Every structure is written in C-alpha cells, then in structure tokens.
Amino acid sequence: MKRIILMLAVAGIAFIGCNNTNSTAITDFIPGTYVNQAQSGYSVANDTLIIAKAKSTDNIYLITRRTGYRRITDGKLQALQHQVKHLSGSWDSQKQILEVMQTHTFLIFQPDKRNLLNGVSEYRKL
C-alpha cells in the first residue's frame, strides 16, 4: 500500500513538474478550506483541511485538519466522533508541493480543478 501511495505521489509531482501552471497562481490558490468525504465497510468520515499562510514566512502554511467519523460495527453506525489536528507545511517551489512536516506527506494542488490531492484522497476547495 505504501508503494502505491509513493508511486502516486511521484507521478503527481512529475505531472505538476510538466504542468505550465504559474507557481504564483498555485500559491495564491493554496489558502482556503478543502473537504473530503470517505466511506468504507468500517466507517464513514468527513474531513476538512483549513490552510492558511503563516505570517512570519513565505513558504510555511498552517493546516487545521478536522475529522468527523462514525465507526460501523456489526453493520450499525456508532456515535459521531471528532478529531482536530494542528499541522504545518513547507512549500517547495521547485517541486510545487506542500510537505506536511509532522507526517511527511505531500499536498498537491490543482487550481484548474479546484482541488488538492493528499495521497490517494482528493479534497475539493470550497
């Protein structure tokens, strides 16, 4: 599974490297709120990423991840649970990616589609 995610991340980076999108257009697009919904046989989840530029530096972003999820046990939805995580990311202007420092994952922004990719998860911008 890790290999698949790594291969997708590398492919995404290569795609962005070949893309003619202006770096400034991407960094202007980054701040905002992004949402994702996911469901499996084990849970239903709503995920929100709120990304803001840090005031002290040009390439650091503050990320708040809010997740609401309901586990599925014996086919029944359980009580709603919430998680909030505060993270930070470093923008790499050469690779055109935002690396989340705490998790070492990469966020790839696609302004033309109004979304971001986090591994195999696609978030749409509100």
N, C-alpha and C. Protein backbone atom coordinates (compact mmCIF):
# COMPACT_ATOMS: atom_id res chain seq x y z
N MET A 1 0.82 -1.18 0.00
CA MET A 1 0.00 0.00 0.00
C MET A 1 0.87 1.25 0.00
N LYS A 2 1.95 1.24 0.82
CA LYS A 2 2.84 2.39 0.86
C LYS A 2 3.49 2.63 -0.50
N ARG A 3 3.82 1.54 -1.19
CA ARG A 3 4.43 1.68 -2.52
C ARG A 3 3.48 2.35 -3.49
N ILE A 4 2.20 1.96 -3.43
CA ILE A 4 1.21 2.55 -4.33
C ILE A 4 1.08 4.04 -4.06
N ILE A 5 0.99 4.42 -2.79
CA ILE A 5 0.86 5.83 -2.43
C ILE A 5 2.10 6.59 -2.86
N LEU A 6 3.28 6.02 -2.64
CA LEU A 6 4.52 6.67 -3.04
C LEU A 6 4.58 6.85 -4.55
N MET A 7 4.16 5.81 -5.29
CA MET A 7 4.16 5.90 -6.75
C MET A 7 3.19 6.97 -7.23
N LEU A 8 2.01 7.06 -6.59
CA LEU A 8 1.05 8.10 -6.96
C LEU A 8 1.59 9.49 -6.66
N ALA A 9 2.27 9.64 -5.53
CA ALA A 9 2.85 10.93 -5.17
C ALA A 9 3.93 11.33 -6.17
N VAL A 10 4.79 10.39 -6.53
CA VAL A 10 5.85 10.68 -7.50
C VAL A 10 5.24 11.03 -8.86
N ALA A 11 4.21 10.29 -9.27
CA ALA A 11 3.55 10.58 -10.55
C ALA A 11 2.91 11.96 -10.51
N GLY A 12 2.29 12.30 -9.38
CA GLY A 12 1.69 13.62 -9.25
C GLY A 12 2.72 14.73 -9.31
N ILE A 13 3.86 14.52 -8.65
CA ILE A 13 4.93 15.52 -8.68
C ILE A 13 5.46 15.67 -10.10
N ALA A 14 5.64 14.56 -10.79
CA ALA A 14 6.12 14.61 -12.17
C ALA A 14 5.12 15.34 -13.05
N PHE A 15 3.84 15.07 -12.85
CA PHE A 15 2.79 15.73 -13.63
C PHE A 15 2.82 17.23 -13.40
N ILE A 16 2.94 17.63 -12.15
CA ILE A 16 2.96 19.05 -11.83
C ILE A 16 4.22 19.69 -12.39
N GLY A 17 5.34 18.97 -12.35
CA GLY A 17 6.58 19.50 -12.90
C GLY A 17 6.46 19.78 -14.38
N CYS A 18 5.66 18.99 -15.08
CA CYS A 18 5.45 19.19 -16.51
C CYS A 18 4.36 20.20 -16.80
N ASN A 19 3.57 20.54 -15.82
CA ASN A 19 2.45 21.45 -15.99
C ASN A 19 2.97 22.87 -16.14
N ASN A 20 2.34 23.65 -16.96
CA ASN A 20 2.77 25.02 -17.21
C ASN A 20 2.13 26.03 -16.24
N THR A 21 1.41 25.55 -15.24
CA THR A 21 0.75 26.44 -14.29
C THR A 21 1.80 27.28 -13.58
N ASN A 22 1.53 28.56 -13.48
CA ASN A 22 2.41 29.51 -12.84
C ASN A 22 2.49 29.22 -11.34
N SER A 23 3.69 29.23 -10.77
CA SER A 23 3.89 28.96 -9.35
C SER A 23 3.11 29.94 -8.48
N THR A 24 3.05 31.20 -8.89
CA THR A 24 2.31 32.20 -8.12
C THR A 24 0.82 31.87 -8.11
N ALA A 25 0.30 31.38 -9.21
CA ALA A 25 -1.12 31.01 -9.27
C ALA A 25 -1.41 29.90 -8.26
N ILE A 26 -0.50 28.96 -8.11
CA ILE A 26 -0.70 27.86 -7.16
C ILE A 26 -0.63 28.38 -5.73
N THR A 27 0.37 29.18 -5.41
CA THR A 27 0.50 29.68 -4.03
C THR A 27 -0.66 30.62 -3.68
N ASP A 28 -1.20 31.34 -4.65
CA ASP A 28 -2.38 32.17 -4.39
C ASP A 28 -3.61 31.30 -4.13
N PHE A 29 -3.65 30.11 -4.74
CA PHE A 29 -4.78 29.20 -4.61
C PHE A 29 -4.78 28.45 -3.27
N ILE A 30 -3.61 28.20 -2.70
CA ILE A 30 -3.47 27.33 -1.53
C ILE A 30 -4.35 27.71 -0.34
N PRO A 31 -4.32 28.95 0.17
CA PRO A 31 -5.12 29.24 1.37
C PRO A 31 -6.61 29.00 1.11
N GLY A 32 -7.25 28.35 2.09
CA GLY A 32 -8.67 28.09 1.95
C GLY A 32 -9.10 26.85 2.71
N THR A 33 -10.32 26.44 2.43
CA THR A 33 -10.93 25.28 3.09
C THR A 33 -11.19 24.20 2.05
N TYR A 34 -10.79 22.99 2.36
CA TYR A 34 -10.92 21.84 1.46
C TYR A 34 -11.67 20.74 2.19
N VAL A 35 -12.55 20.04 1.48
CA VAL A 35 -13.35 18.98 2.11
C VAL A 35 -13.23 17.67 1.33
N ASN A 36 -13.41 16.58 2.09
CA ASN A 36 -13.38 15.24 1.52
C ASN A 36 -14.34 14.38 2.32
N GLN A 37 -15.04 13.49 1.62
CA GLN A 37 -15.90 12.51 2.27
C GLN A 37 -15.43 11.12 1.86
N ALA A 38 -15.41 10.21 2.82
CA ALA A 38 -14.96 8.85 2.53
C ALA A 38 -15.84 7.86 3.29
N GLN A 39 -15.98 6.68 2.70
CA GLN A 39 -16.78 5.64 3.34
C GLN A 39 -16.16 4.29 3.02
N SER A 40 -16.18 3.42 4.00
CA SER A 40 -15.73 2.05 3.82
C SER A 40 -16.68 1.14 4.60
N GLY A 41 -16.38 -0.11 4.64
CA GLY A 41 -17.19 -1.04 5.42
C GLY A 41 -17.01 -0.86 6.91
N TYR A 42 -16.02 -0.04 7.31
CA TYR A 42 -15.70 0.13 8.72
C TYR A 42 -16.07 1.50 9.28
N SER A 43 -16.22 2.50 8.40
CA SER A 43 -16.52 3.84 8.89
C SER A 43 -17.01 4.76 7.77
N VAL A 44 -17.57 5.88 8.22
CA VAL A 44 -17.97 6.98 7.34
C VAL A 44 -17.29 8.22 7.91
N ALA A 45 -16.61 9.00 7.05
CA ALA A 45 -15.84 10.14 7.55
C ALA A 45 -16.02 11.37 6.68
N ASN A 46 -16.01 12.52 7.34
CA ASN A 46 -15.95 13.83 6.69
C ASN A 46 -14.68 14.50 7.17
N ASP A 47 -13.89 14.97 6.24
CA ASP A 47 -12.59 15.54 6.57
C ASP A 47 -12.52 16.96 6.01
N THR A 48 -12.03 17.89 6.82
CA THR A 48 -11.87 19.28 6.39
C THR A 48 -10.45 19.72 6.67
N LEU A 49 -9.81 20.31 5.67
CA LEU A 49 -8.49 20.92 5.84
C LEU A 49 -8.64 22.42 5.68
N ILE A 50 -8.18 23.16 6.67
CA ILE A 50 -8.18 24.62 6.60
C ILE A 50 -6.71 25.03 6.53
N ILE A 51 -6.34 25.67 5.43
CA ILE A 51 -4.94 26.01 5.20
C ILE A 51 -4.80 27.52 5.13
N ALA A 52 -3.85 28.05 5.92
CA ALA A 52 -3.58 29.49 5.94
C ALA A 52 -2.08 29.71 5.90
N LYS A 53 -1.68 30.79 5.27
CA LYS A 53 -0.26 31.12 5.20
C LYS A 53 0.20 31.67 6.54
N ALA A 54 1.35 31.20 7.02
CA ALA A 54 1.92 31.72 8.27
C ALA A 54 2.39 33.15 8.02
N LYS A 55 2.23 34.00 8.99
CA LYS A 55 2.57 35.42 8.81
C LYS A 55 4.06 35.68 8.78
N SER A 56 4.83 34.80 9.39
CA SER A 56 6.25 35.08 9.56
C SER A 56 7.12 34.71 8.35
N THR A 57 6.62 33.88 7.46
CA THR A 57 7.47 33.42 6.36
C THR A 57 6.65 33.13 5.12
N ASP A 58 7.30 33.14 3.97
CA ASP A 58 6.60 32.94 2.70
C ASP A 58 6.26 31.49 2.41
N ASN A 59 7.05 30.55 2.90
CA ASN A 59 6.85 29.16 2.47
C ASN A 59 6.26 28.24 3.55
N ILE A 60 5.79 28.79 4.66
CA ILE A 60 5.20 27.98 5.72
C ILE A 60 3.68 28.22 5.78
N TYR A 61 2.93 27.13 5.88
CA TYR A 61 1.48 27.19 5.95
C TYR A 61 1.00 26.47 7.21
N LEU A 62 -0.05 26.98 7.81
CA LEU A 62 -0.67 26.36 8.97
C LEU A 62 -1.88 25.58 8.49
N ILE A 63 -1.99 24.34 8.94
CA ILE A 63 -3.04 23.43 8.49
C ILE A 63 -3.81 22.94 9.70
N THR A 64 -5.13 23.10 9.66
CA THR A 64 -6.00 22.54 10.69
C THR A 64 -6.81 21.45 10.01
N ARG A 65 -6.71 20.24 10.53
CA ARG A 65 -7.47 19.12 9.98
C ARG A 65 -8.56 18.74 10.98
N ARG A 66 -9.81 18.84 10.53
CA ARG A 66 -10.96 18.48 11.36
C ARG A 66 -11.63 17.27 10.73
N THR A 67 -11.76 16.21 11.51
CA THR A 67 -12.35 14.97 11.02
C THR A 67 -13.50 14.57 11.91
N GLY A 68 -14.63 14.30 11.29
CA GLY A 68 -15.78 13.72 11.98
C GLY A 68 -16.02 12.35 11.38
N TYR A 69 -16.15 11.35 12.22
CA TYR A 69 -16.32 9.99 11.68
C TYR A 69 -17.24 9.17 12.57
N ARG A 70 -17.83 8.18 11.92
CA ARG A 70 -18.70 7.23 12.63
C ARG A 70 -18.24 5.83 12.26
N ARG A 71 -17.85 5.06 13.25
CA ARG A 71 -17.46 3.67 13.01
C ARG A 71 -18.70 2.85 12.68
N ILE A 72 -18.48 1.79 11.93
CA ILE A 72 -19.55 0.84 11.62
C ILE A 72 -19.21 -0.47 12.30
N THR A 73 -20.05 -0.89 13.24
CA THR A 73 -19.85 -2.14 13.96
C THR A 73 -21.08 -3.01 13.77
N ASP A 74 -20.86 -4.22 13.29
CA ASP A 74 -21.97 -5.14 13.02
C ASP A 74 -23.02 -4.51 12.12
N GLY A 75 -22.57 -3.71 11.16
CA GLY A 75 -23.48 -3.08 10.21
C GLY A 75 -24.22 -1.87 10.73
N LYS A 76 -23.93 -1.43 11.96
CA LYS A 76 -24.63 -0.29 12.56
C LYS A 76 -23.66 0.87 12.77
N LEU A 77 -24.14 2.08 12.42
CA LEU A 77 -23.34 3.28 12.65
C LEU A 77 -23.25 3.58 14.14
N GLN A 78 -22.07 3.87 14.60
CA GLN A 78 -21.84 4.22 16.00
C GLN A 78 -21.92 5.74 16.17
N ALA A 79 -21.71 6.21 17.37
CA ALA A 79 -21.79 7.64 17.67
C ALA A 79 -20.72 8.43 16.90
N LEU A 80 -21.07 9.65 16.56
CA LEU A 80 -20.16 10.55 15.86
C LEU A 80 -18.99 10.91 16.77
N GLN A 81 -17.78 10.84 16.22
CA GLN A 81 -16.57 11.21 16.95
C GLN A 81 -15.85 12.29 16.15
N HIS A 82 -15.07 13.12 16.86
CA HIS A 82 -14.36 14.22 16.21
C HIS A 82 -12.87 14.17 16.56
N GLN A 83 -12.07 14.62 15.62
CA GLN A 83 -10.63 14.81 15.86
C GLN A 83 -10.24 16.15 15.26
N VAL A 84 -9.35 16.86 15.93
CA VAL A 84 -8.78 18.09 15.39
C VAL A 84 -7.27 17.98 15.53
N LYS A 85 -6.57 18.23 14.42
CA LYS A 85 -5.11 18.21 14.43
C LYS A 85 -4.60 19.53 13.87
N HIS A 86 -3.57 20.05 14.49
CA HIS A 86 -2.93 21.27 14.02
C HIS A 86 -1.56 20.88 13.46
N LEU A 87 -1.36 21.20 12.19
CA LEU A 87 -0.15 20.80 11.49
C LEU A 87 0.46 22.01 10.81
N SER A 88 1.65 21.83 10.27
CA SER A 88 2.27 22.88 9.47
C SER A 88 2.88 22.25 8.23
N GLY A 89 2.99 23.07 7.19
CA GLY A 89 3.53 22.58 5.93
C GLY A 89 4.54 23.54 5.36
N SER A 90 5.47 22.98 4.61
CA SER A 90 6.51 23.77 3.97
C SER A 90 6.34 23.68 2.46
N TRP A 91 6.20 24.83 1.80
CA TRP A 91 6.01 24.88 0.36
C TRP A 91 7.35 24.73 -0.35
N ASP A 92 7.44 23.76 -1.25
CA ASP A 92 8.63 23.57 -2.08
C ASP A 92 8.31 24.11 -3.47
N SER A 93 8.85 25.28 -3.77
CA SER A 93 8.51 25.94 -5.04
C SER A 93 9.07 25.21 -6.26
N GLN A 94 10.15 24.47 -6.09
CA GLN A 94 10.70 23.70 -7.21
C GLN A 94 9.80 22.52 -7.56
N LYS A 95 9.38 21.77 -6.55
CA LYS A 95 8.55 20.59 -6.78
C LYS A 95 7.06 20.93 -6.86
N GLN A 96 6.70 22.15 -6.45
CA GLN A 96 5.31 22.61 -6.46
C GLN A 96 4.42 21.74 -5.55
N ILE A 97 4.93 21.43 -4.34
CA ILE A 97 4.18 20.63 -3.38
C ILE A 97 4.29 21.26 -1.99
N LEU A 98 3.31 20.94 -1.15
CA LEU A 98 3.34 21.36 0.24
C LEU A 98 3.59 20.11 1.07
N GLU A 99 4.72 20.07 1.77
CA GLU A 99 5.04 18.91 2.60
C GLU A 99 4.56 19.17 4.02
N VAL A 100 3.71 18.27 4.52
CA VAL A 100 3.23 18.37 5.89
C VAL A 100 4.36 17.87 6.78
N MET A 101 4.88 18.74 7.62
CA MET A 101 6.09 18.44 8.38
C MET A 101 5.92 17.31 9.38
N GLN A 102 4.79 17.24 10.05
CA GLN A 102 4.59 16.24 11.09
C GLN A 102 4.40 14.83 10.53
N THR A 103 3.84 14.71 9.34
CA THR A 103 3.53 13.39 8.77
C THR A 103 4.38 13.04 7.56
N HIS A 104 5.13 14.01 7.06
CA HIS A 104 5.95 13.83 5.85
C HIS A 104 5.12 13.37 4.65
N THR A 105 3.88 13.84 4.59
CA THR A 105 3.04 13.60 3.43
C THR A 105 3.05 14.85 2.57
N PHE A 106 2.58 14.71 1.33
CA PHE A 106 2.62 15.81 0.39
C PHE A 106 1.22 16.19 -0.05
N LEU A 107 0.96 17.49 -0.13
CA LEU A 107 -0.29 18.00 -0.68
C LEU A 107 0.03 18.58 -2.05
N ILE A 108 -0.72 18.12 -3.04
CA ILE A 108 -0.52 18.57 -4.42
C ILE A 108 -1.76 19.36 -4.82
N PHE A 109 -1.58 20.60 -5.22
CA PHE A 109 -2.69 21.48 -5.54
C PHE A 109 -2.94 21.52 -7.04
N GLN A 110 -4.22 21.51 -7.40
CA GLN A 110 -4.64 21.58 -8.81
C GLN A 110 -5.66 22.71 -8.95
N PRO A 111 -5.18 23.96 -9.10
CA PRO A 111 -6.10 25.10 -9.16
C PRO A 111 -7.12 24.99 -10.30
N ASP A 112 -6.73 24.42 -11.42
CA ASP A 112 -7.66 24.30 -12.55
C ASP A 112 -8.84 23.38 -12.23
N LYS A 113 -8.65 22.42 -11.32
CA LYS A 113 -9.72 21.51 -10.90
C LYS A 113 -10.32 21.92 -9.56
N ARG A 114 -9.75 22.97 -8.94
CA ARG A 114 -10.17 23.45 -7.61
C ARG A 114 -10.10 22.35 -6.57
N ASN A 115 -8.97 21.62 -6.54
CA ASN A 115 -8.82 20.57 -5.56
C ASN A 115 -7.37 20.41 -5.12
N LEU A 116 -7.18 19.53 -4.16
CA LEU A 116 -5.84 19.12 -3.76
C LEU A 116 -5.84 17.62 -3.58
N LEU A 117 -4.68 17.02 -3.77
CA LEU A 117 -4.50 15.60 -3.57
C LEU A 117 -3.64 15.38 -2.34
N ASN A 118 -4.08 14.49 -1.48
CA ASN A 118 -3.34 14.08 -0.30
C ASN A 118 -3.23 12.57 -0.39
N GLY A 119 -2.14 12.08 -0.98
CA GLY A 119 -2.03 10.66 -1.28
C GLY A 119 -3.07 10.31 -2.31
N VAL A 120 -3.95 9.36 -2.00
CA VAL A 120 -5.00 8.97 -2.95
C VAL A 120 -6.31 9.71 -2.68
N SER A 121 -6.36 10.53 -1.64
CA SER A 121 -7.57 11.27 -1.29
C SER A 121 -7.61 12.59 -2.05
N GLU A 122 -8.79 12.89 -2.58
CA GLU A 122 -8.99 14.15 -3.31
C GLU A 122 -9.91 15.05 -2.50
N TYR A 123 -9.46 16.26 -2.21
CA TYR A 123 -10.22 17.25 -1.48
C TYR A 123 -10.63 18.35 -2.45
N ARG A 124 -11.88 18.82 -2.35
CA ARG A 124 -12.29 19.92 -3.21
C ARG A 124 -12.32 21.20 -2.38
N LYS A 125 -11.96 22.30 -3.04
CA LYS A 125 -11.91 23.58 -2.36
C LYS A 125 -13.29 24.20 -2.33
N LEU A 126 -13.66 24.74 -1.17
CA LEU A 126 -14.95 25.42 -1.04
C LEU A 126 -14.84 26.85 -1.53
